[in-house]
Protein backbone atom coordinates (compact mmCIF):
# COMPACT_ATOMS: atom_id res chain seq x y z
CA MET A 1 101.30 -80.14 18.66
CA ALA A 2 100.64 -83.85 18.53
CA GLN A 3 103.73 -85.67 19.78
CA GLY A 4 102.45 -89.22 19.99
CA PRO A 5 102.60 -91.50 23.00
CA LEU A 6 106.36 -91.37 23.41
CA SER A 7 108.79 -88.54 24.12
CA LEU A 8 112.58 -88.41 24.33
CA LYS A 9 114.36 -88.74 27.69
CA ARG A 10 116.28 -85.89 29.35
CA GLU A 11 119.69 -87.51 29.89
CA LEU A 12 122.31 -84.84 29.09
CA GLY A 13 123.96 -82.56 31.69
CA VAL A 14 126.34 -79.62 31.06
CA PHE A 15 129.42 -81.79 30.49
CA SER A 16 127.71 -84.27 28.17
CA ALA A 17 125.96 -81.49 26.24
CA THR A 18 129.24 -79.56 25.88
CA MET A 19 130.98 -82.68 24.61
CA MET A 20 128.12 -83.22 22.15
CA GLY A 21 128.71 -79.68 20.90
CA LEU A 22 132.47 -80.20 20.63
CA GLY A 23 131.91 -83.51 18.90
CA SER A 24 129.82 -81.69 16.30
CA ILE A 25 132.22 -78.76 15.90
CA LEU A 26 135.69 -80.29 16.08
CA GLY A 27 135.87 -82.26 12.91
CA THR A 28 135.45 -81.15 9.34
CA GLY A 29 135.88 -77.51 10.35
CA VAL A 30 139.33 -77.84 11.85
CA PHE A 31 140.67 -80.81 9.87
CA VAL A 32 139.41 -79.88 6.37
CA SER A 33 137.72 -76.48 6.01
CA ILE A 34 140.66 -74.43 7.33
CA GLY A 35 142.62 -75.77 4.37
CA ILE A 36 139.79 -74.92 1.94
CA ALA A 37 139.45 -71.39 3.33
CA ALA A 38 143.24 -70.89 3.28
CA GLY A 39 143.21 -71.51 -0.47
CA ILE A 40 140.70 -68.66 -0.85
CA ALA A 41 142.02 -66.02 1.56
CA GLY A 42 145.65 -67.02 2.08
CA PRO A 43 147.08 -66.34 5.56
CA ALA A 44 144.08 -64.03 6.13
CA VAL A 45 142.15 -67.21 6.91
CA ILE A 46 143.29 -66.47 10.47
CA LEU A 47 141.32 -63.20 10.36
CA ALA A 48 138.39 -65.03 8.75
CA ILE A 49 138.36 -67.44 11.71
CA ALA A 50 138.21 -64.51 14.14
CA ILE A 51 135.35 -62.78 12.27
CA ALA A 52 133.45 -66.05 11.95
CA ALA A 53 133.89 -66.59 15.69
CA LEU A 54 132.22 -63.25 16.46
CA VAL A 55 129.26 -64.15 14.23
CA ALA A 56 129.11 -67.59 15.86
CA ILE A 57 129.02 -66.05 19.33
CA CYS A 58 126.00 -63.91 18.40
CA ASN A 59 124.26 -66.92 16.90
CA GLY A 60 125.25 -69.15 19.80
CA LEU A 61 123.84 -66.78 22.42
CA ASN A 62 120.59 -66.42 20.49
CA SER A 63 120.33 -70.19 20.05
CA ALA A 64 120.96 -70.61 23.76
CA GLN A 65 118.20 -68.27 24.90
CA LEU A 66 115.72 -69.73 22.41
CA ALA A 67 116.50 -73.28 23.48
CA ALA A 68 116.35 -72.32 27.14
CA ASN A 69 112.80 -71.01 26.68
CA HIS A 70 111.57 -73.66 24.25
CA ALA A 71 113.52 -76.84 24.95
CA VAL A 72 112.19 -79.36 22.43
CA SER A 73 113.79 -81.33 19.61
CA GLY A 74 114.01 -79.45 16.34
CA GLY A 75 116.01 -76.30 17.13
CA THR A 76 115.25 -73.33 14.88
CA TYR A 77 112.55 -75.31 13.09
CA GLU A 78 110.53 -75.18 16.31
CA TYR A 79 111.58 -71.61 17.12
CA GLY A 80 110.40 -70.46 13.70
CA TYR A 81 106.97 -71.97 14.32
CA ARG A 82 106.71 -70.61 17.86
CA TYR A 83 108.03 -67.08 17.40
CA LEU A 84 107.50 -66.38 13.66
CA ASN A 85 105.17 -68.46 11.45
CA SER A 86 104.91 -71.84 9.73
CA TRP A 87 106.75 -70.66 6.63
CA PHE A 88 109.83 -69.52 8.53
CA GLY A 89 109.67 -72.66 10.63
CA PHE A 90 109.58 -74.88 7.58
CA ILE A 91 112.40 -72.97 5.84
CA ALA A 92 114.55 -73.42 8.97
CA GLY A 93 113.91 -77.16 9.07
CA TRP A 94 114.42 -77.58 5.33
CA THR A 95 117.68 -75.59 5.20
CA PHE A 96 118.99 -77.42 8.27
CA LEU A 97 118.40 -80.76 6.56
CA LEU A 98 120.14 -79.51 3.40
CA ALA A 99 123.05 -77.82 5.18
CA LYS A 100 123.92 -80.43 7.73
CA SER A 101 123.44 -83.36 5.39
CA ALA A 102 126.09 -81.71 3.18
CA SER A 103 128.31 -81.16 6.24
CA ALA A 104 127.88 -84.80 7.23
CA ALA A 105 128.84 -85.94 3.73
CA THR A 106 131.95 -83.74 3.95
CA ALA A 107 132.83 -85.36 7.28
CA ALA A 108 132.45 -88.86 5.83
CA LEU A 109 134.68 -87.95 2.88
CA GLY A 110 137.19 -86.33 5.24
CA PHE A 111 137.35 -89.47 7.36
CA ALA A 112 137.97 -91.56 4.24
CA GLY A 113 140.71 -89.19 3.06
CA TYR A 114 142.62 -89.29 6.35
CA LEU A 115 142.25 -93.07 6.59
CA LEU A 116 143.63 -93.60 3.08
CA ASN A 117 146.56 -91.28 3.82
CA LEU A 118 147.31 -93.11 7.05
CA LEU A 119 147.30 -96.44 5.22
CA GLY A 120 149.55 -95.04 2.49
CA VAL A 121 146.95 -95.50 -0.27
CA SER A 122 147.40 -92.84 -2.96
CA SER A 123 144.47 -93.89 -5.15
CA ARG A 124 141.26 -91.95 -4.54
CA GLU A 125 138.98 -94.66 -5.93
CA TRP A 126 138.32 -95.91 -2.39
CA LEU A 127 137.34 -92.46 -1.07
CA VAL A 128 133.58 -92.68 -1.72
CA PRO A 129 133.13 -96.39 -0.79
CA ILE A 130 134.82 -95.86 2.59
CA ALA A 131 132.71 -92.73 3.18
CA LEU A 132 129.54 -94.71 2.47
CA ALA A 133 130.57 -97.54 4.82
CA THR A 134 131.26 -94.97 7.55
CA VAL A 135 127.79 -93.45 7.17
CA VAL A 136 126.17 -96.87 7.49
CA THR A 137 128.19 -97.73 10.63
CA LEU A 138 127.46 -94.47 12.45
CA THR A 139 123.77 -94.67 11.52
CA ALA A 140 123.64 -98.09 13.18
CA ILE A 141 125.23 -96.68 16.37
CA VAL A 142 122.67 -93.85 16.55
CA LEU A 143 119.88 -96.39 16.18
CA GLY A 144 121.14 -97.93 19.44
CA GLY A 145 119.96 -94.93 21.49
CA LEU A 146 121.27 -91.65 22.92
CA ARG A 147 123.16 -93.07 25.93
CA ARG A 148 125.37 -95.26 23.73
CA SER A 149 125.85 -92.34 21.32
CA SER A 150 126.90 -90.00 24.16
CA ILE A 151 129.53 -92.40 25.49
CA THR A 152 130.91 -92.95 21.98
CA ASN A 153 131.02 -89.19 21.47
CA ILE A 154 133.00 -88.50 24.67
CA LEU A 155 135.65 -91.04 23.66
CA ILE A 156 135.87 -89.56 20.16
CA VAL A 157 136.22 -85.95 21.39
CA SER A 158 138.91 -86.89 23.90
CA VAL A 159 141.12 -88.41 21.20
CA THR A 160 140.48 -85.42 18.91
CA LEU A 161 141.52 -82.87 21.56
CA ILE A 162 144.77 -84.73 22.27
CA ALA A 163 145.62 -84.83 18.56
CA LEU A 164 144.95 -81.11 18.03
CA ILE A 165 147.00 -80.04 21.05
CA LEU A 166 149.88 -82.25 19.85
CA PHE A 167 149.60 -80.71 16.36
CA ILE A 168 149.85 -77.17 17.75
CA LEU A 169 152.79 -77.98 20.05
CA GLY A 170 154.59 -79.97 17.35
CA SER A 171 154.41 -77.05 14.93
CA ILE A 172 156.32 -74.59 17.12
CA PRO A 173 159.87 -75.30 15.82
CA THR A 174 158.75 -75.23 12.16
CA LEU A 175 156.59 -72.17 12.77
CA LEU A 176 159.46 -70.22 14.30
CA ASP A 177 161.67 -71.13 11.33
CA ARG A 178 159.27 -70.51 8.42
CA GLY A 179 156.34 -68.56 9.86
CA GLY A 180 157.54 -65.13 8.75
CA ASP A 181 157.67 -66.12 5.08
CA ASN A 182 154.51 -68.25 5.02
CA LEU A 183 152.34 -65.67 6.76
CA SER A 184 153.10 -62.91 4.27
CA PRO A 185 151.63 -61.32 2.27
CA PHE A 186 148.85 -61.66 4.82
CA PHE A 187 145.97 -61.35 2.33
CA GLY A 188 147.60 -63.69 -0.18
CA ALA A 189 148.01 -63.28 -3.92
CA GLY A 190 145.11 -62.36 -6.18
CA ASP A 191 142.57 -59.60 -6.73
CA ASN A 192 139.82 -58.36 -4.41
CA PRO A 193 141.17 -59.52 -1.03
CA THR A 194 138.03 -58.27 0.75
CA ALA A 195 135.75 -60.56 -1.27
CA ARG A 196 138.08 -63.52 -0.70
CA LEU A 197 138.20 -62.78 3.03
CA LEU A 198 134.40 -62.68 3.24
CA GLU A 199 134.02 -65.94 1.31
CA ALA A 200 136.52 -67.59 3.65
CA THR A 201 134.61 -66.17 6.62
CA ALA A 202 131.38 -67.70 5.33
CA LEU A 203 133.05 -71.10 4.99
CA MET A 204 134.66 -70.85 8.43
CA PHE A 205 131.37 -69.85 10.08
CA VAL A 206 130.04 -73.30 9.24
CA ALA A 207 133.02 -74.73 11.12
CA TYR A 208 131.57 -73.31 14.36
CA THR A 209 127.94 -74.27 13.92
CA GLY A 210 128.05 -77.64 15.63
CA TYR A 211 127.01 -75.87 18.83
CA GLY A 212 123.51 -75.85 17.37
CA ARG A 213 123.37 -79.60 18.01
CA ILE A 214 122.97 -78.80 21.70
CA ALA A 215 119.88 -76.73 20.92
CA THR A 216 118.35 -79.22 18.48
CA MET A 217 118.56 -81.87 21.22
CA GLY A 218 116.86 -79.59 23.76
CA GLU A 219 114.22 -82.22 24.54
CA GLU A 220 116.97 -84.53 25.84
CA VAL A 221 118.82 -82.01 28.07
CA ARG A 222 118.31 -81.78 31.84
CA GLU A 223 117.47 -78.29 33.22
CA PRO A 224 117.59 -76.76 29.72
CA ARG A 225 117.45 -73.10 30.80
CA ARG A 226 120.66 -73.60 32.80
CA THR A 227 122.39 -76.35 30.83
CA ILE A 228 122.00 -75.24 27.21
CA PRO A 229 123.52 -71.71 27.47
CA ARG A 230 126.45 -72.96 29.54
CA ALA A 231 127.16 -75.86 27.19
CA ILE A 232 127.00 -73.69 24.05
CA ILE A 233 129.28 -70.97 25.46
CA ALA A 234 131.79 -73.51 26.79
CA ALA A 235 131.92 -75.33 23.45
CA LEU A 236 132.48 -72.09 21.52
CA ILE A 237 135.29 -70.88 23.79
CA VAL A 238 137.21 -74.15 23.50
CA THR A 239 136.67 -74.19 19.73
CA MET A 240 137.88 -70.63 19.13
CA ILE A 241 141.12 -71.28 20.99
CA LEU A 242 141.81 -74.48 19.07
CA TYR A 243 140.92 -73.03 15.64
CA ALA A 244 143.23 -70.05 16.13
CA GLY A 245 146.09 -72.31 17.21
CA VAL A 246 145.61 -74.76 14.34
CA ALA A 247 145.32 -72.01 11.70
CA VAL A 248 148.51 -70.28 12.77
CA ALA A 249 150.34 -73.61 13.04
CA GLY A 250 149.13 -74.92 9.68
CA VAL A 251 149.50 -71.81 7.51
CA GLY A 252 152.70 -70.69 9.24
CA SER A 253 154.39 -74.08 8.84
CA VAL A 254 153.78 -74.91 5.17
CA GLY A 255 151.93 -71.96 3.63
CA ALA A 256 148.32 -71.45 2.57
CA ASP A 257 148.73 -72.97 -0.92
CA VAL A 258 150.13 -76.27 0.33
CA LEU A 259 147.41 -76.49 2.98
CA SER A 260 144.72 -75.80 0.38
CA ASP A 261 146.03 -78.34 -2.13
CA ALA A 262 146.09 -81.06 0.53
CA ALA A 263 142.51 -80.22 1.54
CA GLN A 264 141.05 -80.44 -1.97
CA SER A 265 143.09 -83.25 -3.49
CA GLN A 266 143.34 -85.56 -0.46
CA ALA A 267 140.81 -84.17 2.07
CA ALA A 268 143.59 -84.55 4.68
CA PRO A 269 145.46 -81.22 5.09
CA LEU A 270 146.62 -81.36 8.72
CA GLU A 271 148.25 -84.75 8.36
CA ASN A 272 150.30 -83.42 5.43
CA VAL A 273 151.32 -80.40 7.50
CA ALA A 274 152.29 -82.61 10.43
CA ARG A 275 154.66 -84.58 8.19
CA ALA A 276 156.60 -81.37 7.60
CA PHE A 277 157.38 -81.13 11.32
CA GLY A 278 159.77 -84.07 11.06
CA LEU A 279 158.71 -85.42 14.45
CA PRO A 280 158.06 -89.15 14.89
CA LEU A 281 154.43 -90.33 15.09
CA VAL A 282 152.95 -86.80 15.11
CA ALA A 283 151.44 -87.16 11.62
CA GLU A 284 149.99 -90.55 12.50
CA ILE A 285 148.44 -89.27 15.74
CA VAL A 286 146.99 -86.25 13.93
CA ALA A 287 145.50 -88.59 11.32
CA ILE A 288 143.92 -90.73 14.03
CA GLY A 289 142.58 -87.61 15.76
CA ALA A 290 141.18 -86.37 12.46
CA MET A 291 139.43 -89.64 11.82
CA THR A 292 137.88 -89.69 15.29
CA ALA A 293 136.83 -86.07 14.80
CA MET A 294 135.10 -86.86 11.52
CA LEU A 295 133.35 -89.77 13.19
CA GLY A 296 132.25 -87.45 16.01
CA VAL A 297 130.86 -84.89 13.58
CA LEU A 298 129.07 -87.54 11.59
CA LEU A 299 127.63 -89.13 14.74
CA ASN A 300 126.34 -85.81 16.06
CA LEU A 301 124.99 -84.69 12.70
CA ILE A 302 122.99 -87.89 12.33
CA LEU A 303 121.65 -87.28 15.85
CA GLY A 304 120.75 -83.64 15.17
CA LEU A 305 119.34 -84.18 11.69
CA SER A 306 117.15 -87.05 12.82
CA ARG A 307 115.71 -84.91 15.65
CA VAL A 308 114.81 -82.12 13.24
CA LEU A 309 113.25 -84.63 10.85
CA LEU A 310 111.35 -86.07 13.84
CA ALA A 311 110.00 -82.61 14.68
CA MET A 312 108.99 -81.99 11.05
CA GLY A 313 107.24 -85.36 10.94
CA ARG A 314 105.27 -84.47 14.07
CA ARG A 315 103.95 -81.34 12.35
CA ARG A 316 103.34 -83.24 9.09
CA ASP A 317 105.88 -81.04 7.27
CA MET A 318 107.44 -84.38 6.45
CA PRO A 319 105.67 -87.75 6.17
CA ALA A 320 104.24 -88.78 9.55
CA ILE A 321 106.24 -92.02 9.54
CA THR A 322 109.41 -90.01 10.28
CA ALA A 323 107.98 -89.17 13.72
CA ARG A 324 107.92 -92.79 14.89
CA ILE A 325 109.93 -93.56 18.05
CA GLU A 326 111.22 -97.00 18.98
CA PRO A 327 109.82 -97.76 22.48
CA ARG A 328 112.84 -99.51 24.03
CA THR A 329 115.58 -97.02 23.06
CA THR A 330 113.26 -93.98 22.52
CA THR A 331 115.08 -93.42 19.21
CA PRO A 332 113.36 -91.84 16.17
CA TYR A 333 114.46 -94.81 14.10
CA VAL A 334 112.74 -93.96 10.81
CA ALA A 335 114.20 -90.43 10.85
CA VAL A 336 117.67 -91.83 11.60
CA VAL A 337 117.53 -94.23 8.65
CA VAL A 338 116.23 -91.55 6.25
CA VAL A 339 119.00 -89.16 7.34
CA GLY A 340 121.62 -91.86 6.80
CA ILE A 341 120.37 -92.44 3.25
CA ILE A 342 120.44 -88.70 2.41
CA ILE A 343 124.00 -88.30 3.73
CA ALA A 344 125.18 -91.34 1.79
CA GLY A 345 123.68 -89.89 -1.38
CA LEU A 346 125.53 -86.57 -0.95
CA ALA A 347 128.79 -88.39 -0.21
CA LEU A 348 128.64 -89.72 -3.77
CA ILE A 349 129.59 -86.19 -4.96
CA GLY A 350 133.10 -86.94 -3.69
CA ASN A 351 134.23 -83.27 -3.54
CA VAL A 352 134.72 -81.67 -0.12
CA LYS A 353 134.79 -78.06 -1.38
CA THR A 354 131.43 -78.39 -3.14
CA THR A 355 129.66 -80.06 -0.21
CA TRP A 356 131.18 -77.62 2.31
CA SER A 357 130.35 -74.49 0.28
CA PHE A 358 126.75 -75.62 -0.18
CA SER A 359 126.55 -76.23 3.55
CA ALA A 360 127.81 -72.68 4.18
CA PHE A 361 125.01 -71.01 2.23
CA THR A 362 122.17 -73.07 3.63
CA VAL A 363 123.35 -72.99 7.24
CA LEU A 364 123.69 -69.20 7.12
CA ILE A 365 120.04 -68.95 6.00
CA TYR A 366 119.12 -71.29 8.86
CA TYR A 367 120.86 -69.13 11.46
CA ALA A 368 119.41 -65.94 9.99
CA ILE A 369 116.01 -67.36 10.98
CA THR A 370 117.43 -68.25 14.42
CA ASN A 371 118.38 -64.62 15.01
CA LEU A 372 115.06 -63.37 13.65
CA ALA A 373 113.21 -65.66 16.06
CA ALA A 374 115.38 -64.45 18.96
CA LEU A 375 114.32 -60.87 18.22
CA ARG A 376 110.72 -61.92 19.00
CA LEU A 377 111.48 -63.11 22.54
CA LYS A 378 109.57 -61.37 25.29
CA PRO A 379 111.58 -59.26 27.78
CA GLU A 380 111.12 -61.83 30.55
CA GLU A 381 112.36 -64.62 28.24
CA ARG A 382 115.44 -62.76 27.07
CA LEU A 383 118.83 -63.74 28.48
CA TYR A 384 120.98 -61.41 26.36
CA PRO A 385 120.64 -57.91 24.78
CA LYS A 386 118.49 -57.54 21.68
CA TRP A 387 121.30 -56.00 19.61
CA ILE A 388 123.04 -59.39 19.56
CA GLY A 389 120.15 -60.72 17.50
CA TRP A 390 120.36 -57.83 15.01
CA ILE A 391 124.11 -58.32 14.51
CA GLY A 392 123.69 -62.05 14.03
CA LEU A 393 120.85 -61.59 11.53
CA ALA A 394 122.68 -59.01 9.42
CA ALA A 395 125.92 -61.00 9.41
CA CYS A 396 124.24 -64.25 8.35
CA VAL A 397 122.27 -62.70 5.47
CA PHE A 398 125.35 -60.82 4.25
CA LEU A 399 127.75 -63.79 4.41
CA ALA A 400 125.30 -66.24 2.82
CA PHE A 401 125.80 -64.62 -0.58
CA ARG A 402 129.58 -64.40 -0.33
CA VAL A 403 130.01 -68.01 -1.45
CA GLU A 404 130.40 -68.82 -5.17
CA GLN A 405 127.40 -67.78 -7.26
CA HIS A 406 126.49 -71.24 -8.55
CA ILE A 407 126.39 -72.50 -4.97
CA TRP A 408 123.89 -69.94 -3.68
CA LEU A 409 121.82 -70.18 -6.87
CA THR A 410 121.55 -73.95 -6.32
CA GLY A 411 120.64 -73.29 -2.70
CA LEU A 412 117.88 -70.87 -3.67
CA GLY A 413 116.55 -73.40 -6.17
CA LEU A 414 116.34 -76.14 -3.54
CA LEU A 415 114.77 -73.66 -1.13
CA GLY A 416 112.06 -73.05 -3.74
CA VAL A 417 111.48 -76.79 -4.06
CA GLY A 418 111.01 -77.00 -0.30
CA LEU A 419 108.50 -74.15 -0.24
CA VAL A 420 106.43 -75.83 -2.97
CA TRP A 421 106.45 -79.04 -0.90
CA HIS A 422 105.33 -77.09 2.19
CA LEU A 423 102.47 -75.49 0.28
CA ILE A 424 101.28 -78.90 -0.94
CA ALA A 425 101.59 -80.38 2.56
CA GLN A 426 99.55 -77.55 4.08
CA ARG A 427 96.73 -77.91 1.54
CA SER A 428 96.55 -81.69 1.96
């Protein structure tokens, strides 16, 4: 594969890679999507988080062993090419761009929602403009190079962790007082609780998938066979503990309906929950933590998306100009700018449920290919049992079609557009 005269530098160790993963995970998933999923499944969102965590573990372990054996930028896009064929590789890259651009737009809108709430602005007319300004700012930071991005990410994640721990601890008195009523009936009101639980599980799975950022940046990780698996597993363990705590605290304190309404109308559910605690400054600190989390997600998504676009440009699956690297900072600057423009365009939708649901479908297709590629590893390359790949593959394909029908139909349509593009690119 022609990679040009410049390659990316290996600068990330276990701690930095883990923090990159946490920066990608702890954001929209915990501060927005738990509220969206609670509106679908009721208190059973707690069970959805647990099921999604099991699927994420299977996917995380398969991503880790693939990245450990083939540590280059591009993640499953590269694994599809190496272990399957060009069509699977292209589909992985295409769905990643679609899924994570939608996730990034959700993060930008979430940041704007929390900021407006913190400032006491009730009008939503500023939601999209602030989201767009945030995308532009973070794109400029990524253009400055990986080292600056990593330092920014560590600061962001630290503030986010403090805010989430404070949220969980602050909820205890309210949870003890109201938890029994708010957590029952466990599966919420409405028909077909199983279907609602599975849809919520699909949405919550996306809330774990930031660990994939560690794999997509494999070309910039030191000792990848050792560092990548450890960083992915560490990031998932921390995330599962925090998600469970936040879900119980949020739903138990105010109820699933209140949490859901705050997520969809204001894109700021946890801040509204924190106000119910009646404790000074807790809501404000949670809002600040949420905003830093959204910034962290957006930062890491721009990093990951640009690296996949870089890899696709190298193979000519995308225009070759996207593979250009700036010599001084070794940053794929054209890919970064293109990604920023795509995210800004999706942010114009202005609806967090739509962007998050679309992300759920496409990212599940992406990780289905990850698991399929992991099943093709040779025995000497394998770090974990083969059955983990089969479970991950089956779960991803099944959950992908549990989102609303118009979402997965749109996803299939865009997938078809991508395949036509790939066919044209191959022939030319």
